[in-house]
């Protein structure tokens, strides 16, 4: 591996186990789920409510951005079974986890902020460097 290649140049294994652990605040600074207007509209349609009702009931503002409210230490959409109740309509932030630039800074960060709680880290399909980079770009 050259100095220009990232630590994950050989790829990373990941498989979502739908455990809901990524939907909980682990005290690591990743405690908000941001949702753009299209994402909020999709979730509102899924729930059968207007956008304004959705924003009032399930969102709050953080520095001008809409974020999903918390329920305890978890996303408001995490149900009693530990599953996302809007899974098919979840924001790109959720769809691209764990391939976020801030989680892939170095292997230590990955281990602390992903592998320490996520049973899917190190399991399943091998994501190659090209795919990881595409997912990182999509997360923004």
Foldseek 3Di string as FASTA:
>chain_A
DDPPDAPQQAFWFFDAPQQLPVQFDPVPPPQWAFDDPVLLCLLCVVVVHHSVVSQVPFWDDDPRTTTGDADVRGGPQQDPNSGGVSVVSGHLLVVLPPLACVCRVHPVSVCVVPVVGGPRTRDHDTDHPVRSVVSNVSND
